Amino acid sequence: MINCGDRITLLREHYGFTQEELAHKLGISRSALSHYEKNRRTPDYETLINLADLFQVSVDYMFGRTKHNEREHLA
């Protein structure tokens, strides 16, 4: 089962962002992002919403509750 950290990593890489670039866009530290990607921490609500908005996916997709992101689902 895929988890939130895995989704963040996959989406970040798909969009071609470094950890530093994505962290800057989210207004968090690179080390915080690294903890999220390695599943050592879970993003807070605001960060999770910002991630979902940035990548144009649902929060359910971020948490692995659905296999389809919104773009795939609506296409």
N, C-alpha and C. Protein backbone atom coordinates (compact mmCIF):
# COMPACT_ATOMS: atom_id res chain seq x y z
N MET A 1 0.84 -1.18 0.00
CA MET A 1 0.00 0.00 0.00
C MET A 1 0.89 1.25 0.00
N ILE A 2 0.56 2.17 -0.86
CA ILE A 2 1.32 3.41 -0.95
C ILE A 2 0.87 4.37 0.15
N ASN A 3 1.81 5.11 0.69
CA ASN A 3 1.46 6.05 1.75
C ASN A 3 1.76 7.49 1.32
N CYS A 4 1.46 8.42 2.19
CA CYS A 4 1.57 9.84 1.87
C CYS A 4 2.99 10.23 1.47
N GLY A 5 3.97 9.76 2.18
CA GLY A 5 5.37 10.10 1.86
C GLY A 5 5.77 9.62 0.48
N ASP A 6 5.33 8.42 0.13
CA ASP A 6 5.61 7.89 -1.20
C ASP A 6 4.96 8.74 -2.28
N ARG A 7 3.72 9.17 -2.04
CA ARG A 7 3.03 10.02 -3.01
C ARG A 7 3.77 11.34 -3.19
N ILE A 8 4.19 11.93 -2.09
CA ILE A 8 4.90 13.21 -2.19
C ILE A 8 6.15 13.04 -3.05
N THR A 9 6.91 12.00 -2.79
CA THR A 9 8.12 11.75 -3.56
C THR A 9 7.80 11.54 -5.04
N LEU A 10 6.82 10.70 -5.33
CA LEU A 10 6.46 10.43 -6.72
C LEU A 10 6.01 11.69 -7.44
N LEU A 11 5.17 12.49 -6.80
CA LEU A 11 4.68 13.71 -7.42
C LEU A 11 5.80 14.73 -7.59
N ARG A 12 6.64 14.86 -6.58
CA ARG A 12 7.76 15.81 -6.67
C ARG A 12 8.65 15.46 -7.85
N GLU A 13 8.99 14.19 -7.96
CA GLU A 13 9.86 13.75 -9.05
C GLU A 13 9.16 13.89 -10.41
N HIS A 14 7.86 13.58 -10.46
CA HIS A 14 7.11 13.71 -11.71
C HIS A 14 7.13 15.16 -12.21
N TYR A 15 7.02 16.09 -11.29
CA TYR A 15 7.01 17.51 -11.66
C TYR A 15 8.43 18.08 -11.79
N GLY A 16 9.44 17.29 -11.47
CA GLY A 16 10.82 17.70 -11.65
C GLY A 16 11.34 18.68 -10.61
N PHE A 17 10.75 18.66 -9.42
CA PHE A 17 11.22 19.53 -8.34
C PHE A 17 12.28 18.83 -7.51
N THR A 18 13.25 19.58 -7.06
CA THR A 18 14.15 19.07 -6.03
C THR A 18 13.42 19.21 -4.69
N GLN A 19 13.95 18.58 -3.67
CA GLN A 19 13.36 18.77 -2.34
C GLN A 19 13.44 20.24 -1.94
N GLU A 20 14.54 20.89 -2.23
CA GLU A 20 14.72 22.30 -1.89
C GLU A 20 13.67 23.17 -2.58
N GLU A 21 13.43 22.92 -3.86
CA GLU A 21 12.45 23.71 -4.62
C GLU A 21 11.03 23.50 -4.07
N LEU A 22 10.66 22.25 -3.83
CA LEU A 22 9.32 21.99 -3.33
C LEU A 22 9.14 22.57 -1.93
N ALA A 23 10.13 22.41 -1.09
CA ALA A 23 10.05 22.96 0.26
C ALA A 23 9.85 24.47 0.21
N HIS A 24 10.58 25.14 -0.68
CA HIS A 24 10.44 26.59 -0.83
C HIS A 24 9.02 26.95 -1.27
N LYS A 25 8.46 26.23 -2.23
CA LYS A 25 7.10 26.49 -2.70
C LYS A 25 6.08 26.31 -1.58
N LEU A 26 6.35 25.38 -0.68
CA LEU A 26 5.42 25.10 0.42
C LEU A 26 5.66 25.95 1.65
N GLY A 27 6.80 26.64 1.69
CA GLY A 27 7.13 27.46 2.85
C GLY A 27 7.54 26.64 4.05
N ILE A 28 8.19 25.49 3.79
CA ILE A 28 8.68 24.63 4.85
C ILE A 28 10.17 24.38 4.63
N SER A 29 10.82 23.78 5.59
CA SER A 29 12.25 23.47 5.42
C SER A 29 12.42 22.21 4.58
N ARG A 30 13.58 22.09 3.97
CA ARG A 30 13.88 20.90 3.19
C ARG A 30 13.90 19.68 4.11
N SER A 31 14.39 19.85 5.33
CA SER A 31 14.44 18.71 6.25
C SER A 31 13.04 18.25 6.64
N ALA A 32 12.09 19.17 6.79
CA ALA A 32 10.71 18.77 7.08
C ALA A 32 10.15 17.96 5.92
N LEU A 33 10.40 18.43 4.69
CA LEU A 33 9.93 17.69 3.51
C LEU A 33 10.56 16.31 3.47
N SER A 34 11.83 16.22 3.77
CA SER A 34 12.51 14.93 3.79
C SER A 34 11.86 13.98 4.80
N HIS A 35 11.49 14.50 5.97
CA HIS A 35 10.81 13.68 6.97
C HIS A 35 9.46 13.19 6.45
N TYR A 36 8.74 14.04 5.72
CA TYR A 36 7.46 13.63 5.15
C TYR A 36 7.68 12.52 4.12
N GLU A 37 8.65 12.72 3.24
CA GLU A 37 8.89 11.73 2.18
C GLU A 37 9.34 10.39 2.74
N LYS A 38 10.04 10.40 3.86
CA LYS A 38 10.52 9.16 4.47
C LYS A 38 9.53 8.60 5.49
N ASN A 39 8.36 9.23 5.57
CA ASN A 39 7.29 8.79 6.47
C ASN A 39 7.68 8.81 7.94
N ARG A 40 8.57 9.71 8.28
CA ARG A 40 8.93 9.90 9.68
C ARG A 40 7.95 10.85 10.35
N ARG A 41 7.33 11.71 9.54
CA ARG A 41 6.31 12.65 10.01
C ARG A 41 5.20 12.71 8.98
N THR A 42 4.04 13.15 9.43
CA THR A 42 2.91 13.37 8.53
C THR A 42 2.72 14.88 8.38
N PRO A 43 2.51 15.35 7.15
CA PRO A 43 2.32 16.79 6.97
C PRO A 43 1.10 17.28 7.75
N ASP A 44 1.19 18.51 8.26
CA ASP A 44 0.02 19.09 8.91
C ASP A 44 -1.04 19.39 7.86
N TYR A 45 -2.23 19.73 8.32
CA TYR A 45 -3.36 19.94 7.42
C TYR A 45 -3.07 20.99 6.35
N GLU A 46 -2.53 22.12 6.74
CA GLU A 46 -2.24 23.20 5.79
C GLU A 46 -1.24 22.76 4.73
N THR A 47 -0.19 22.08 5.13
CA THR A 47 0.82 21.61 4.19
C THR A 47 0.22 20.56 3.25
N LEU A 48 -0.59 19.68 3.80
CA LEU A 48 -1.23 18.66 2.98
C LEU A 48 -2.13 19.29 1.91
N ILE A 49 -2.91 20.28 2.29
CA ILE A 49 -3.77 20.98 1.34
C ILE A 49 -2.92 21.68 0.29
N ASN A 50 -1.83 22.32 0.72
CA ASN A 50 -0.95 23.00 -0.24
C ASN A 50 -0.33 22.02 -1.23
N LEU A 51 0.06 20.85 -0.76
CA LEU A 51 0.60 19.82 -1.64
C LEU A 51 -0.45 19.37 -2.66
N ALA A 52 -1.65 19.08 -2.17
CA ALA A 52 -2.72 18.63 -3.06
C ALA A 52 -3.05 19.70 -4.09
N ASP A 53 -3.10 20.95 -3.67
CA ASP A 53 -3.39 22.05 -4.60
C ASP A 53 -2.27 22.21 -5.63
N LEU A 54 -1.04 22.18 -5.17
CA LEU A 54 0.10 22.35 -6.06
C LEU A 54 0.13 21.26 -7.14
N PHE A 55 -0.11 20.03 -6.73
CA PHE A 55 -0.04 18.91 -7.66
C PHE A 55 -1.39 18.59 -8.31
N GLN A 56 -2.42 19.35 -7.95
CA GLN A 56 -3.76 19.18 -8.52
C GLN A 56 -4.29 17.77 -8.34
N VAL A 57 -4.20 17.29 -7.12
CA VAL A 57 -4.71 15.98 -6.76
C VAL A 57 -5.57 16.14 -5.51
N SER A 58 -6.31 15.08 -5.19
CA SER A 58 -7.14 15.12 -3.98
C SER A 58 -6.31 14.73 -2.75
N VAL A 59 -6.82 15.09 -1.59
CA VAL A 59 -6.18 14.68 -0.34
C VAL A 59 -6.26 13.15 -0.22
N ASP A 60 -7.36 12.55 -0.68
CA ASP A 60 -7.46 11.09 -0.67
C ASP A 60 -6.33 10.46 -1.49
N TYR A 61 -6.01 11.05 -2.62
CA TYR A 61 -4.90 10.55 -3.44
C TYR A 61 -3.59 10.67 -2.68
N MET A 62 -3.39 11.80 -1.99
CA MET A 62 -2.16 12.00 -1.23
C MET A 62 -1.98 10.91 -0.16
N PHE A 63 -3.09 10.49 0.44
CA PHE A 63 -3.03 9.48 1.49
C PHE A 63 -3.12 8.05 0.98
N GLY A 64 -3.19 7.88 -0.35
CA GLY A 64 -3.24 6.55 -0.90
C GLY A 64 -4.60 5.89 -0.80
N ARG A 65 -5.63 6.67 -0.52
CA ARG A 65 -6.98 6.12 -0.41
C ARG A 65 -7.60 5.88 -1.77
N THR A 66 -7.05 6.48 -2.81
CA THR A 66 -7.50 6.25 -4.17
C THR A 66 -6.27 6.14 -5.06
N LYS A 67 -6.35 5.35 -6.09
CA LYS A 67 -5.22 5.17 -7.00
C LYS A 67 -5.19 6.20 -8.11
N HIS A 68 -6.27 6.95 -8.26
CA HIS A 68 -6.38 7.89 -9.37
C HIS A 68 -6.30 9.32 -8.86
N ASN A 69 -5.43 10.10 -9.53
CA ASN A 69 -5.44 11.51 -9.18
C ASN A 69 -6.59 12.16 -9.92
N GLU A 70 -6.91 13.39 -9.58
CA GLU A 70 -8.09 14.03 -10.15
C GLU A 70 -7.99 14.20 -11.66
N ARG A 71 -6.82 14.48 -12.17
CA ARG A 71 -6.67 14.63 -13.62
C ARG A 71 -7.03 13.34 -14.34
N GLU A 72 -6.54 12.21 -13.84
CA GLU A 72 -6.85 10.92 -14.45
C GLU A 72 -8.33 10.61 -14.33
N HIS A 73 -8.90 10.92 -13.18
CA HIS A 73 -10.29 10.60 -12.92
C HIS A 73 -11.23 11.42 -13.81
N LEU A 74 -10.88 12.67 -14.05
CA LEU A 74 -11.74 13.56 -14.84
C LEU A 74 -11.53 13.40 -16.33
N ALA A 75 -10.42 12.81 -16.73
CA ALA A 75 -10.12 12.66 -18.16
C ALA A 75 -10.95 11.60 -18.83
